[in-house]
Amino acid sequence: MNKVLDLAEQLGAALLQQCWIATTAESCTGGGVSMAITEIAGSSAWFDRAFVTYSNEAKQQMINVQAETLVEHGAVSEPVVTEMAKGALDHSNANISVAISGIAGPGGGTALKPVGTVCFAWADKTGWLYTETCLFDGDRNAVREQAIEKSLSGMLQRLQTLA
């Protein structure tokens, strides 16, 4: 967990430097990204809120993911995390967001979306948006840990391009 905490610390410093605030929209990580962020003392200065939208219904109710998007693409898809990231920004005081949805396992995988498939979207108030899908190795905990690292590093990379 040291790498995650190091990333969270670096993210906090970058957010403070930019005078930005972060938010998260999490599914398969179950709040792990926001937990890592709030492990850092003083994170209330640069972290607004987290949306743990594990069910499709929660995604729709809390951050305006469209039912049609879920039906057409499935919860683990770049179109869904795109809507999650934008919805988190719309329902928070944040300048930057990350959204995560994936299949951590041990079950739930398919031939097209095997266990370890995790989709990410990062968005910010300037209109910037980036999506990526990864296939992580390992058990449920390992997949979630890698997803948390990727989430934090993606936000950090965006902030470093603005500095």
Protein backbone atom coordinates (compact mmCIF):
# COMPACT_ATOMS: atom_id res chain seq x y z
CA MET A 1 0.00 0.00 0.00
CA ASN A 2 3.04 2.31 0.25
CA LYS A 3 2.98 3.04 -3.50
CA VAL A 4 -0.68 4.01 -3.26
CA LEU A 5 -0.07 6.33 -0.32
CA ASP A 6 2.92 7.89 -2.08
CA LEU A 7 0.75 8.55 -5.14
CA ALA A 8 -2.02 10.00 -2.98
CA GLU A 9 0.48 12.31 -1.28
CA GLN A 10 1.89 13.46 -4.63
CA LEU A 11 -1.64 13.97 -5.94
CA GLY A 12 -2.51 16.13 -2.95
CA ALA A 13 0.55 18.31 -3.48
CA ALA A 14 -0.25 18.69 -7.18
CA LEU A 15 -3.89 19.56 -6.46
CA LEU A 16 -2.85 22.17 -3.90
CA GLN A 17 -0.34 23.67 -6.34
CA GLN A 18 -3.04 23.93 -9.01
CA CYS A 19 -5.70 25.06 -6.47
CA TRP A 20 -7.90 22.20 -7.67
CA ILE A 21 -10.18 19.75 -5.90
CA ALA A 22 -10.70 16.07 -6.78
CA THR A 23 -13.64 13.70 -6.72
CA THR A 24 -14.00 9.99 -7.48
CA ALA A 25 -16.70 7.78 -9.00
CA GLU A 26 -15.86 4.20 -8.06
CA SER A 27 -17.38 0.84 -8.77
CA CYS A 28 -15.02 -2.15 -8.55
CA THR A 29 -12.63 -0.32 -6.21
CA GLY A 30 -15.44 0.16 -3.69
CA GLY A 31 -14.12 3.47 -2.40
CA GLY A 32 -10.48 2.40 -2.35
CA VAL A 33 -9.30 5.46 -4.26
CA SER A 34 -11.07 7.84 -1.91
CA MET A 35 -9.79 5.85 1.06
CA ALA A 36 -6.21 6.26 -0.16
CA ILE A 37 -6.77 9.97 -0.68
CA THR A 38 -8.25 10.50 2.77
CA GLU A 39 -5.35 8.66 4.40
CA ILE A 40 -3.37 11.84 3.69
CA ALA A 41 -3.62 14.43 6.47
CA GLY A 42 -5.11 17.65 5.15
CA SER A 43 -6.86 15.99 2.21
CA SER A 44 -10.04 17.93 3.01
CA ALA A 45 -8.32 20.90 1.36
CA TRP A 46 -8.18 19.13 -2.01
CA PHE A 47 -10.75 16.31 -1.94
CA ASP A 48 -14.48 17.00 -2.11
CA ARG A 49 -16.41 13.73 -2.18
CA ALA A 50 -16.60 10.18 -3.48
CA PHE A 51 -19.36 8.37 -5.29
CA VAL A 52 -19.27 4.62 -4.69
CA THR A 53 -21.68 3.51 -7.38
CA TYR A 54 -21.40 -0.23 -7.28
CA SER A 55 -24.81 -1.01 -8.77
CA ASN A 56 -26.13 0.19 -12.11
CA GLU A 57 -29.00 1.86 -10.25
CA ALA A 58 -26.54 3.85 -8.13
CA LYS A 59 -24.65 4.93 -11.24
CA GLN A 60 -27.89 6.25 -12.70
CA GLN A 61 -29.26 7.87 -9.54
CA MET A 62 -26.10 9.44 -8.15
CA ILE A 63 -24.09 10.51 -11.21
CA ASN A 64 -26.54 10.42 -14.13
CA VAL A 65 -25.20 7.44 -16.06
CA GLN A 66 -27.79 6.78 -18.74
CA ALA A 67 -29.67 3.48 -18.72
CA GLU A 68 -29.18 3.24 -22.49
CA THR A 69 -25.40 3.46 -22.09
CA LEU A 70 -25.43 0.66 -19.51
CA VAL A 71 -27.62 -1.56 -21.70
CA GLU A 72 -25.65 -0.90 -24.89
CA HIS A 73 -22.12 -1.12 -23.50
CA GLY A 74 -22.34 -2.77 -20.07
CA ALA A 75 -21.17 -1.29 -16.77
CA VAL A 76 -17.55 -2.19 -17.53
CA SER A 77 -17.01 0.04 -20.56
CA GLU A 78 -15.39 3.30 -21.52
CA PRO A 79 -18.73 4.96 -22.39
CA VAL A 80 -20.02 4.22 -18.87
CA VAL A 81 -16.90 5.46 -17.06
CA THR A 82 -16.98 8.56 -19.26
CA GLU A 83 -20.48 9.33 -18.00
CA MET A 84 -19.40 8.48 -14.45
CA ALA A 85 -16.44 10.89 -14.57
CA LYS A 86 -18.55 13.70 -16.02
CA GLY A 87 -21.38 13.00 -13.57
CA ALA A 88 -19.00 13.13 -10.61
CA LEU A 89 -17.81 16.56 -11.74
CA ASP A 90 -21.39 17.75 -12.24
CA HIS A 91 -22.42 16.61 -8.74
CA SER A 92 -19.42 17.93 -6.82
CA ASN A 93 -17.27 20.99 -6.27
CA ALA A 94 -14.32 19.28 -7.92
CA ASN A 95 -12.15 20.35 -10.83
CA ILE A 96 -10.94 16.83 -11.69
CA SER A 97 -12.43 13.36 -11.43
CA VAL A 98 -11.61 9.74 -11.96
CA ALA A 99 -14.13 6.98 -12.64
CA ILE A 100 -13.45 3.26 -12.37
CA SER A 101 -15.54 0.23 -13.32
CA GLY A 102 -14.21 -3.27 -13.71
CA ILE A 103 -14.31 -6.99 -13.05
CA ALA A 104 -12.14 -7.72 -10.04
CA GLY A 105 -13.14 -11.38 -9.82
CA PRO A 106 -12.97 -14.12 -9.00
CA GLY A 107 -16.18 -14.48 -11.07
CA GLY A 108 -18.03 -12.23 -13.46
CA GLY A 109 -15.63 -12.34 -16.37
CA THR A 110 -16.52 -13.21 -19.96
CA ALA A 111 -14.52 -13.96 -23.09
CA LEU A 112 -14.83 -10.30 -24.16
CA LYS A 113 -14.33 -8.88 -20.66
CA PRO A 114 -12.24 -11.30 -18.60
CA VAL A 115 -11.56 -10.95 -14.89
CA GLY A 116 -9.06 -8.14 -14.46
CA THR A 117 -10.68 -5.86 -17.05
CA VAL A 118 -10.93 -2.35 -15.62
CA CYS A 119 -12.10 0.77 -17.44
CA PHE A 120 -11.02 4.26 -16.38
CA ALA A 121 -12.03 7.80 -17.28
CA TRP A 122 -10.43 10.99 -16.07
CA ALA A 123 -12.12 14.33 -16.68
CA ASP A 124 -11.68 17.91 -15.60
CA LYS A 125 -13.58 21.18 -15.69
CA THR A 126 -11.60 22.41 -18.72
CA GLY A 127 -13.38 19.78 -20.83
CA TRP A 128 -10.40 17.42 -20.96
CA LEU A 129 -11.29 13.72 -20.90
CA TYR A 130 -9.17 10.60 -21.18
CA THR A 131 -10.29 6.95 -21.10
CA GLU A 132 -8.33 3.73 -20.89
CA THR A 133 -9.07 0.05 -20.38
CA CYS A 134 -6.54 -2.19 -18.65
CA LEU A 135 -6.30 -5.92 -18.07
CA PHE A 136 -4.73 -6.52 -14.67
CA ASP A 137 -3.35 -9.81 -13.36
CA GLY A 138 -3.90 -11.39 -9.99
CA ASP A 139 -6.66 -12.07 -7.53
CA ARG A 140 -9.45 -9.68 -6.53
CA ASN A 141 -7.26 -7.70 -4.13
CA ALA A 142 -4.44 -7.40 -6.66
CA VAL A 143 -6.80 -6.16 -9.39
CA ARG A 144 -8.33 -3.59 -7.06
CA GLU A 145 -4.92 -2.42 -5.83
CA GLN A 146 -3.67 -1.94 -9.40
CA ALA A 147 -6.86 -0.08 -10.29
CA ILE A 148 -6.40 2.28 -7.32
CA GLU A 149 -2.79 2.97 -8.35
CA LYS A 150 -3.82 3.62 -11.95
CA SER A 151 -6.60 5.97 -10.84
CA LEU A 152 -4.32 8.09 -8.71
CA SER A 153 -1.48 8.15 -11.23
CA GLY A 154 -3.86 9.20 -14.01
CA MET A 155 -5.04 12.23 -12.07
CA LEU A 156 -1.47 13.05 -11.08
CA GLN A 157 -0.28 12.85 -14.71
CA ARG A 158 -3.02 15.25 -15.82
CA LEU A 159 -2.10 17.75 -13.12
CA GLN A 160 1.58 17.54 -14.05
CA THR A 161 0.74 18.58 -17.62
CA LEU A 162 -0.97 21.70 -16.24
CA ALA A 163 1.86 22.74 -13.88
